[in-house]
Protein backbone atom coordinates (compact mmCIF):
# COMPACT_ATOMS: atom_id res chain seq x y z
CA MET A 1 -21.19 7.00 18.42
CA GLY A 2 -18.00 5.45 17.10
CA VAL A 3 -17.96 2.85 14.35
CA LYS A 4 -16.26 -0.54 14.24
CA VAL A 5 -15.56 -2.50 11.07
CA VAL A 6 -15.51 -6.27 11.48
CA LYS A 7 -13.93 -8.72 9.06
CA PHE A 8 -14.56 -12.47 9.29
CA GLY A 9 -12.38 -15.04 7.59
CA GLY A 10 -13.43 -18.12 5.68
CA SER A 11 -13.08 -20.45 8.65
CA SER A 12 -15.51 -18.24 10.59
CA LEU A 13 -18.15 -18.41 7.83
CA ALA A 14 -17.71 -21.96 6.54
CA ALA A 15 -21.14 -23.14 7.66
CA ALA A 16 -24.40 -21.98 9.25
CA GLU A 17 -23.01 -22.41 12.75
CA GLY A 18 -20.36 -19.83 11.90
CA PHE A 19 -23.02 -17.40 10.64
CA ARG A 20 -24.82 -17.70 13.98
CA ARG A 21 -21.61 -17.06 15.87
CA VAL A 22 -20.83 -14.04 13.70
CA LYS A 23 -24.29 -12.61 14.37
CA GLU A 24 -23.79 -13.10 18.10
CA ILE A 25 -20.50 -11.19 17.93
CA ILE A 26 -22.00 -8.34 15.89
CA ASP A 27 -25.09 -8.05 18.10
CA ALA A 28 -22.90 -7.79 21.21
CA ASP A 29 -21.65 -4.33 20.21
CA GLU A 30 -23.87 -1.79 18.46
CA LYS A 31 -20.76 -0.03 17.15
CA ARG A 32 -20.13 -2.98 14.79
CA ARG A 33 -21.91 -1.53 11.79
CA PHE A 34 -19.92 -2.64 8.74
CA CYS A 35 -18.96 -6.25 8.05
CA VAL A 36 -16.49 -7.68 5.52
CA PRO A 37 -16.87 -11.45 4.92
CA SER A 38 -14.59 -13.91 3.16
CA ALA A 39 -15.80 -16.87 1.11
CA PRO A 40 -16.65 -20.08 3.01
CA GLY A 41 -13.53 -21.95 4.07
CA LYS A 42 -13.03 -25.56 5.10
CA ARG A 43 -15.57 -27.15 7.44
CA PHE A 44 -13.20 -30.03 8.21
CA SER A 45 -9.65 -30.98 7.27
CA GLU A 46 -10.56 -32.87 4.07
CA ASP A 47 -12.98 -30.19 2.89
CA THR A 48 -12.31 -27.76 0.01
CA LYS A 49 -12.54 -24.00 0.25
CA VAL A 50 -15.20 -22.44 -1.97
CA THR A 51 -12.58 -20.17 -3.57
CA ASP A 52 -10.59 -23.24 -4.64
CA LEU A 53 -13.75 -24.78 -6.13
CA LEU A 54 -14.33 -21.59 -8.10
CA TYR A 55 -10.79 -21.62 -9.42
CA ARG A 56 -11.50 -25.15 -10.60
CA CYS A 57 -14.60 -23.84 -12.35
CA TYR A 58 -12.43 -21.29 -14.13
CA SER A 59 -9.96 -24.01 -15.10
CA CYS A 60 -12.78 -25.94 -16.73
CA LEU A 61 -13.96 -22.88 -18.62
CA GLN A 62 -10.43 -22.12 -19.76
CA ARG A 63 -10.13 -25.62 -21.21
CA GLN A 64 -13.63 -25.35 -22.70
CA LEU A 65 -14.92 -28.13 -20.45
CA PRO A 66 -18.21 -28.19 -18.51
CA MET A 67 -17.89 -26.72 -15.03
CA ASP A 68 -21.20 -28.20 -13.83
CA GLU A 69 -19.75 -30.68 -11.34
CA GLU A 70 -17.53 -28.16 -9.56
CA PHE A 71 -20.17 -25.42 -9.60
CA ASP A 72 -22.74 -27.84 -8.15
CA ARG A 73 -20.35 -28.35 -5.21
CA VAL A 74 -20.21 -24.58 -4.77
CA GLY A 75 -23.99 -24.36 -4.92
CA GLU A 76 -24.46 -27.06 -2.29
CA ARG A 77 -22.37 -25.06 0.19
CA TYR A 78 -24.65 -22.03 -0.10
CA ARG A 79 -27.85 -24.08 -0.25
CA GLN A 80 -26.82 -25.84 2.97
CA ILE A 81 -26.05 -22.58 4.76
CA ALA A 82 -29.35 -20.99 3.71
CA SER A 83 -31.34 -24.12 4.65
CA ASP A 84 -29.71 -24.50 8.05
CA LEU A 85 -30.41 -20.84 8.82
CA SER A 86 -34.02 -21.10 7.51
CA LEU A 87 -33.12 -18.09 5.42
CA ASP A 88 -35.80 -16.42 3.29
CA PHE A 89 -33.54 -15.80 0.32
CA ASP A 90 -33.59 -16.78 -3.35
CA VAL A 91 -30.44 -18.94 -3.33
CA GLU A 92 -31.28 -20.63 -6.61
CA GLY A 93 -31.72 -17.30 -8.36
CA MET A 94 -28.37 -16.09 -7.02
CA LEU A 95 -26.61 -19.27 -8.12
CA GLU A 96 -28.11 -19.25 -11.60
CA ASP A 97 -27.26 -15.58 -12.09
CA THR A 98 -23.69 -16.26 -10.93
CA ARG A 99 -23.33 -19.27 -13.23
CA ILE A 100 -24.49 -17.28 -16.27
CA LYS A 101 -22.12 -14.40 -15.50
CA MET A 102 -19.17 -16.78 -15.01
CA LEU A 103 -19.86 -18.24 -18.46
CA ASP A 104 -20.07 -14.71 -19.85
CA GLN A 105 -16.97 -13.41 -18.00
CA PRO A 106 -14.61 -16.42 -17.74
CA THR A 107 -11.73 -14.62 -16.02
CA PRO A 108 -9.96 -16.07 -12.97
CA ASP A 109 -10.59 -12.95 -10.90
CA PHE A 110 -14.32 -12.81 -11.61
CA CYS A 111 -14.81 -16.52 -10.95
CA ALA A 112 -12.83 -16.47 -7.69
CA SER A 113 -14.58 -13.32 -6.43
CA ARG A 114 -17.99 -14.97 -6.54
CA GLY A 115 -17.26 -16.81 -3.29
CA GLU A 116 -17.12 -13.56 -1.32
CA TYR A 117 -19.95 -12.05 -3.34
CA MET A 118 -22.40 -14.88 -2.64
CA ASN A 119 -21.37 -15.23 1.01
CA GLY A 120 -21.88 -11.50 1.42
CA ARG A 121 -25.36 -11.74 -0.08
CA LEU A 122 -26.31 -14.51 2.35
CA LEU A 123 -24.81 -12.74 5.36
CA ALA A 124 -26.56 -9.46 4.52
CA ALA A 125 -29.89 -11.30 4.27
CA TYR A 126 -29.26 -13.11 7.56
CA LEU A 127 -28.32 -9.92 9.44
CA GLY A 128 -30.99 -7.82 7.75
CA TRP A 129 -28.31 -5.36 6.58
CA ASP A 130 -27.70 -3.58 3.29
CA PHE A 131 -25.43 -5.20 0.71
CA VAL A 132 -22.74 -3.11 -0.99
CA ASP A 133 -20.92 -4.61 -3.96
CA PRO A 134 -17.24 -3.60 -3.79
CA ALA A 135 -16.93 -3.92 -7.57
CA GLU A 136 -18.64 -0.52 -7.75
CA PHE A 137 -16.53 1.29 -5.16
CA ILE A 138 -13.15 -0.41 -4.66
CA LYS A 139 -10.98 0.61 -7.60
CA PHE A 140 -7.80 -0.51 -9.32
CA ASP A 141 -6.09 1.41 -12.10
CA ARG A 142 -5.79 -0.13 -15.55
CA HIS A 143 -2.42 -1.66 -14.61
CA GLY A 144 -3.90 -3.47 -11.60
CA ALA A 145 -2.52 -1.17 -8.89
CA PHE A 146 -4.91 -0.42 -6.05
CA ALA A 147 -6.25 3.13 -6.40
CA SER A 148 -6.40 3.99 -2.70
CA GLU A 149 -7.50 7.63 -2.85
CA TRP A 150 -10.08 7.07 -5.58
CA THR A 151 -11.45 4.13 -3.60
CA ASN A 152 -11.55 6.06 -0.33
CA GLU A 153 -13.50 8.89 -1.93
CA THR A 154 -16.10 6.73 -3.67
CA LEU A 155 -16.48 4.16 -0.88
CA SER A 156 -16.73 6.79 1.86
CA GLU A 157 -19.47 8.61 -0.05
CA GLU A 158 -21.40 5.36 -0.56
CA LEU A 159 -21.13 4.04 3.00
CA GLN A 160 -22.46 7.30 4.41
CA LYS A 161 -25.78 6.23 2.88
CA HIS A 162 -25.92 3.02 4.94
CA GLU A 163 -26.48 2.63 8.66
CA ARG A 164 -25.25 -0.97 8.52
CA ALA A 165 -23.85 -2.85 5.54
CA VAL A 166 -22.06 -5.98 4.40
CA ILE A 167 -19.21 -5.39 1.94
CA PRO A 168 -17.62 -8.60 0.57
CA GLY A 169 -13.85 -8.85 0.73
CA PHE A 170 -11.17 -9.75 -1.80
CA TYR A 171 -12.23 -7.84 -4.93
CA GLY A 172 -12.92 -4.54 -6.66
CA SER A 173 -12.80 -3.49 -10.30
CA PHE A 174 -10.76 -1.88 -13.05
CA PRO A 175 -11.91 1.50 -14.46
CA ASN A 176 -13.87 -0.38 -17.15
CA GLY A 177 -15.83 -2.28 -14.49
CA GLU A 178 -14.09 -5.64 -14.95
CA VAL A 179 -13.68 -7.41 -11.61
CA HIS A 180 -10.14 -7.56 -10.21
CA THR A 181 -8.99 -9.23 -6.99
CA PHE A 182 -6.45 -8.50 -4.32
CA PRO A 183 -3.92 -11.30 -3.63
CA ARG A 184 -5.16 -14.35 -1.70
CA GLY A 185 -6.08 -13.19 1.79
CA GLY A 186 -7.27 -9.92 0.27
CA SER A 187 -10.35 -9.72 2.48
CA ASP A 188 -8.00 -8.41 5.18
CA ILE A 189 -7.15 -5.54 2.85
CA THR A 190 -10.81 -4.86 2.08
CA GLY A 191 -11.55 -4.68 5.80
CA ALA A 192 -8.83 -2.10 6.30
CA VAL A 193 -10.02 -0.11 3.27
CA VAL A 194 -13.58 -0.04 4.64
CA ALA A 195 -12.30 0.97 8.10
CA ARG A 196 -10.48 3.92 6.58
CA ALA A 197 -13.48 4.93 4.48
CA VAL A 198 -15.82 5.14 7.51
CA GLU A 199 -13.10 6.55 9.82
CA ALA A 200 -13.61 3.64 12.21
CA GLU A 201 -12.42 3.79 15.79
CA VAL A 202 -11.11 0.25 15.40
CA TYR A 203 -10.83 -2.44 12.73
CA GLU A 204 -11.65 -5.87 14.20
CA ASN A 205 -10.19 -8.74 12.21
CA TRP A 206 -11.86 -11.95 13.41
CA THR A 207 -10.07 -15.18 12.58
CA ASP A 208 -9.45 -18.61 14.12
CA VAL A 209 -6.57 -17.61 16.45
CA SER A 210 -6.42 -15.30 19.46
CA GLY A 211 -4.00 -12.81 17.97
CA PHE A 212 -0.24 -12.99 17.65
CA LEU A 213 2.04 -15.21 19.72
CA MET A 214 5.55 -14.25 20.78
CA ALA A 215 7.00 -17.21 18.88
CA ASP A 216 5.96 -20.03 16.57
CA PRO A 217 4.09 -22.61 18.71
CA ARG A 218 5.52 -25.36 16.48
CA ILE A 219 8.95 -24.42 17.83
CA VAL A 220 8.36 -22.93 21.28
CA GLU A 221 5.96 -24.79 23.55
CA LYS A 222 3.00 -22.63 24.59
CA PRO A 223 4.47 -19.20 23.75
CA LYS A 224 2.85 -16.23 25.39
CA GLY A 225 0.44 -14.05 23.46
CA ILE A 226 1.13 -10.49 22.39
CA ASP A 227 -1.33 -8.01 23.94
CA VAL A 228 -0.22 -4.92 22.02
CA LEU A 229 2.23 -4.35 19.20
CA THR A 230 2.89 -1.46 16.87
CA TYR A 231 2.41 -1.46 13.12
CA ARG A 232 6.19 -1.19 12.74
CA GLU A 233 6.69 -4.29 14.88
CA LEU A 234 3.99 -6.09 12.89
CA ARG A 235 5.82 -5.19 9.68
CA GLU A 236 9.05 -6.69 10.98
CA LEU A 237 7.41 -9.86 12.31
CA SER A 238 5.28 -10.38 9.18
CA TYR A 239 8.30 -9.92 6.94
CA MET A 240 10.10 -12.63 8.90
CA GLY A 241 7.26 -15.12 8.63
CA ALA A 242 4.54 -14.33 11.20
CA THR A 243 1.41 -14.75 9.06
CA VAL A 244 -1.67 -13.99 11.19
CA LEU A 245 -2.37 -10.85 9.14
CA GLN A 246 -1.54 -10.02 5.54
CA GLU A 247 1.15 -7.30 5.36
CA ASP A 248 -0.78 -5.30 2.75
CA ALA A 249 -3.75 -5.10 5.13
CA ILE A 250 -1.97 -2.78 7.56
CA PHE A 251 -1.34 0.21 5.33
CA PRO A 252 -4.83 1.79 4.96
CA VAL A 253 -5.49 1.72 8.71
CA HIS A 254 -1.90 2.41 9.75
CA HIS A 255 -1.72 5.63 7.75
CA SER A 256 -5.09 6.71 9.17
CA GLY A 257 -4.12 5.96 12.77
CA ILE A 258 -6.86 3.33 13.16
CA PRO A 259 -5.95 0.44 15.49
CA THR A 260 -6.47 -3.15 14.37
CA ASN A 261 -7.72 -5.78 16.82
CA ILE A 262 -7.03 -9.42 15.94
CA ARG A 263 -9.78 -11.51 17.58
CA ASN A 264 -10.78 -15.17 17.74
CA THR A 265 -14.25 -16.06 16.48
CA TYR A 266 -14.17 -19.22 18.60
CA ASP A 267 -13.09 -17.45 21.81
CA ILE A 268 -15.07 -14.23 21.72
CA HIS A 269 -14.10 -13.10 25.22
CA HIS A 270 -10.36 -13.21 24.53
CA PRO A 271 -9.10 -9.63 23.91
CA GLY A 272 -6.71 -10.81 21.19
CA THR A 273 -3.90 -8.58 19.95
CA MET A 274 -4.27 -4.83 19.49
CA ILE A 275 -2.07 -3.28 16.77
CA VAL A 276 -1.47 0.45 17.22
CA SER A 277 0.49 3.25 15.57
CA ASP A 278 2.08 4.57 18.76
CA GLY A 279 3.22 2.07 21.36
CA ARG A 280 4.31 4.64 23.96
CA LYS A 281 0.94 4.45 25.72
CA PHE A 282 1.30 0.69 26.14
CA PRO A 283 4.28 -0.36 28.30
CA ALA A 284 5.81 -3.61 27.06
CA ARG A 285 5.65 -6.61 29.39
CA TYR A 286 8.95 -7.88 28.07
CA PRO A 287 11.96 -6.24 26.39
CA ILE A 288 10.93 -8.04 23.20
CA THR A 289 7.58 -8.25 21.46
CA GLY A 290 8.20 -11.39 19.43
CA ILE A 291 10.58 -13.68 17.59
CA ALA A 292 10.16 -14.80 13.98
CA GLY A 293 12.39 -16.33 11.37
CA LYS A 294 12.79 -17.83 7.93
CA LYS A 295 14.93 -20.64 6.53
CA ASP A 296 16.75 -21.22 3.25
CA PHE A 297 19.10 -18.30 2.66
CA THR A 298 22.53 -18.01 1.08
CA LEU A 299 25.11 -15.59 2.50
CA ILE A 300 27.69 -14.14 0.11
CA ASN A 301 30.64 -12.56 1.96
CA ILE A 302 32.76 -10.29 -0.27
CA VAL A 303 36.24 -9.41 1.04
CA LYS A 304 38.51 -6.64 -0.29
CA ASP A 305 41.17 -4.60 1.47
CA MET A 306 40.36 -0.86 1.64
CA MET A 307 36.83 -1.50 0.43
CA ASN A 308 35.61 1.40 2.53
CA SER A 309 37.65 3.92 0.52
CA GLU A 310 36.68 2.55 -2.91
CA LEU A 311 33.95 4.78 -4.28
CA GLY A 312 30.93 2.89 -5.65
CA PHE A 313 31.94 -0.57 -4.39
CA GLY A 314 28.59 -1.32 -2.72
CA ARG A 315 26.67 -0.02 -5.72
CA ARG A 316 28.54 -2.39 -8.03
CA VAL A 317 27.79 -5.38 -5.79
CA LEU A 318 24.09 -4.57 -5.89
CA GLN A 319 24.31 -3.85 -9.62
CA ALA A 320 25.40 -7.45 -10.18
CA ALA A 321 22.30 -8.70 -8.37
CA GLU A 322 20.05 -6.21 -10.14
CA GLU A 323 21.28 -7.21 -13.60
CA LEU A 324 20.26 -10.80 -12.87
CA GLY A 325 16.92 -9.80 -11.33
CA ILE A 326 17.92 -11.07 -7.89
CA PRO A 327 16.59 -9.15 -4.83
CA PHE A 328 18.58 -9.20 -1.59
CA GLU A 329 17.26 -9.48 1.95
CA HIS A 330 20.02 -8.02 4.14
CA LEU A 331 23.30 -6.20 3.65
CA PRO A 332 25.52 -6.19 6.76
CA THR A 333 28.93 -4.58 6.14
CA GLY A 334 32.35 -4.04 7.69
CA ILE A 335 35.43 -2.00 6.73
CA ASP A 336 36.81 -4.62 4.35
CA THR A 337 33.79 -6.94 4.02
CA MET A 338 30.32 -6.77 2.61
CA CYS A 339 27.72 -9.53 3.07
CA VAL A 340 24.65 -10.07 0.94
CA ALA A 341 21.90 -12.38 2.24
CA ILE A 342 19.65 -13.76 -0.52
CA ALA A 343 16.66 -16.09 -0.25
CA ASP A 344 17.34 -19.36 -2.05
CA HIS A 345 14.09 -19.15 -4.02
CA ASP A 346 15.23 -15.79 -5.42
CA LEU A 347 18.71 -17.09 -6.24
CA ASP A 348 17.17 -19.92 -8.29
CA LYS A 349 20.34 -21.72 -9.53
CA ARG A 350 21.98 -18.44 -10.56
CA LEU A 351 24.61 -18.39 -7.81
CA ASN A 352 27.59 -18.95 -10.12
CA GLN A 353 26.37 -16.26 -12.51
CA LEU A 354 26.07 -13.82 -9.62
CA LEU A 355 29.52 -14.65 -8.23
CA ASN A 356 31.12 -14.22 -11.65
CA ARG A 357 29.44 -10.87 -12.19
CA ILE A 358 30.47 -9.62 -8.72
CA SER A 359 34.05 -10.65 -9.51
CA GLU A 360 33.95 -8.81 -12.84
CA LEU A 361 32.52 -5.59 -11.41
CA CYS A 362 34.26 -5.47 -8.02
CA GLN A 363 37.48 -7.52 -8.33
CA PRO A 364 37.35 -8.65 -4.68
CA ASP A 365 40.20 -10.39 -2.86
CA SER A 366 37.89 -13.30 -2.09
CA ILE A 367 34.25 -14.35 -1.97
CA GLU A 368 32.92 -16.80 0.63
CA VAL A 369 29.55 -18.50 0.22
CA THR A 370 27.51 -19.98 3.08
CA ARG A 371 24.47 -22.08 2.16
CA GLY A 372 21.76 -23.43 4.44
CA LEU A 373 21.35 -20.24 6.46
CA SER A 374 18.33 -19.22 8.54
CA LEU A 375 17.50 -15.71 9.72
CA ILE A 376 15.95 -15.03 13.13
CA ALA A 377 14.58 -11.59 14.05
CA THR A 378 14.12 -10.55 17.66
CA VAL A 379 11.67 -7.62 17.56
CA GLY A 380 10.44 -5.21 20.20
CA ARG A 381 9.84 -1.55 20.94
CA GLY A 382 11.00 -2.26 24.51
CA MET A 383 14.47 -3.06 23.19
CA VAL A 384 15.22 0.65 22.77
CA SER A 385 15.10 1.35 26.49
CA SER A 386 16.49 -1.98 27.71
CA PRO A 387 20.32 -2.18 27.70
CA GLY A 388 22.12 -5.39 26.92
CA ASN A 389 19.67 -6.96 24.49
CA ALA A 390 22.34 -7.93 21.96
CA ALA A 391 24.47 -9.44 24.74
CA LYS A 392 21.46 -11.42 25.98
CA ILE A 393 20.79 -12.81 22.48
CA PHE A 394 24.38 -13.81 21.81
CA GLY A 395 24.82 -15.17 25.33
CA ALA A 396 21.74 -17.38 24.89
CA LEU A 397 23.01 -18.63 21.54
CA TYR A 398 26.48 -19.31 23.01
CA GLN A 399 24.97 -21.30 25.88
CA ALA A 400 22.92 -23.30 23.35
CA GLY A 401 26.01 -24.04 21.26
CA VAL A 402 24.75 -22.10 18.23
CA ASN A 403 27.27 -20.38 15.96
CA VAL A 404 26.21 -16.96 14.62
CA ARG A 405 27.12 -16.48 10.95
CA MET A 406 25.57 -13.04 10.41
CA ILE A 407 24.41 -10.07 12.50
CA ASP A 408 22.21 -7.23 11.25
CA GLN A 409 20.82 -4.55 13.56
CA GLY A 410 18.90 -1.46 12.57
CA SER A 411 19.86 1.87 14.09
CA SER A 412 16.51 2.15 15.87
CA GLU A 413 17.15 -1.09 17.81
CA LEU A 414 13.63 -2.21 16.91
CA ASN A 415 15.06 -5.56 15.91
CA ILE A 416 18.22 -7.62 15.83
CA ILE A 417 18.60 -10.24 13.09
CA VAL A 418 21.03 -13.13 13.35
CA GLY A 419 21.93 -15.72 10.76
CA VAL A 420 22.46 -19.30 11.94
CA ALA A 421 22.74 -22.68 10.28
CA SER A 422 19.30 -24.03 9.37
CA ALA A 423 20.01 -27.11 11.47
CA ASP A 424 20.17 -24.79 14.51
CA PHE A 425 17.08 -22.72 13.66
CA GLU A 426 14.66 -24.26 16.16
CA LYS A 427 17.26 -24.54 18.93
CA ALA A 428 18.30 -20.91 18.46
CA THR A 429 14.69 -19.66 18.51
CA ARG A 430 13.97 -21.51 21.74
CA ALA A 431 17.16 -20.20 23.33
CA ILE A 432 16.37 -16.55 22.53
CA TYR A 433 12.78 -16.93 23.73
CA GLN A 434 13.91 -18.48 27.00
CA ALA A 435 16.46 -15.71 27.58
CA PHE A 436 13.86 -12.95 27.31
CA VAL A 437 10.61 -14.54 28.40
CA GLY A 438 11.43 -17.70 30.35
CA ASP A 439 8.81 -20.31 31.12
């Protein structure tokens, strides 16, 4: 029998009602044998996530102030869940043990990780499953880098001992046993790590949306959902701002060939979005898979006659950015021109320094700077076999009266990126969507 790993986000486990719904989902498929929970999220818009309360506890400890008030709020969340579920579990003992250990180990990672730890304890008791503490089996090296192979070996060996188990998300430990966390949203990563360790047939990531949409619903009215996309397409869309799934969460399952299914806890019959390694078995409904974009870029256009024959010109341009610690996003080029697109938050008031250094190193004929730029990526595996995609994009933008300031297309034709004025960002996105998908 195959195995499925299920991960549930904080919104899915914010209260007892969510625990009941999670149990219903798990009981509906006997293959769902390993569960990765997040800490309780918000129950309503004005509520506070448990992780945020725990960070406040740490802040109190750091300033040598009592954390009692904030920790009491944490405790009430778990007491309420256990009471509403009529759970036979020593909540008070768990809370007191956690409080003592937080006082003894007042680090931000340990304090924050207790949200997942305690939610995992409650969920394991509610399901009647084993509890596995990831601090013992998910490993980071002493510099804080995730030790993927070490983790896979130790976690795989441990999980073979359990028919069904709850493994909290978000954290592991250094070689000395000190708790260390993944970035925020790290429960997604834990789920993928567990899926790899048990060689799951699928990793189900349950959240509060029914998978990916073809465009941002705040820009395009009622965009269509994405049934299937590849990990490469996900990488492109996530990089450009689609945030349903943390980028880091794709690597353990991607490299193992395990598909990821994004599902909606509140619409359990919706198939969601399936993310696969090879999209050839899944014909695309449209030439594109999705559209995503980001605002606030600066475009630096460097002009110099015979640039193409000047050895090392491009290297010197990038050297100028590297010396100032400025990463670049895109690098479209021509025979006598080279453009560098840089996110404004990375430029950070160092534009004049960068321009001066480029001038010193490269001695260009001129440098043009365009501020207030937005980048829009049109992504899709179907674009490879569909002629005229670029013409369709630029035709749609022309009809919408949008001027294109930058074009960047990879050789695989997986995506085409255009730069437009930020004032035209929404209009351009709607125009491209309409050209490929329609109503």
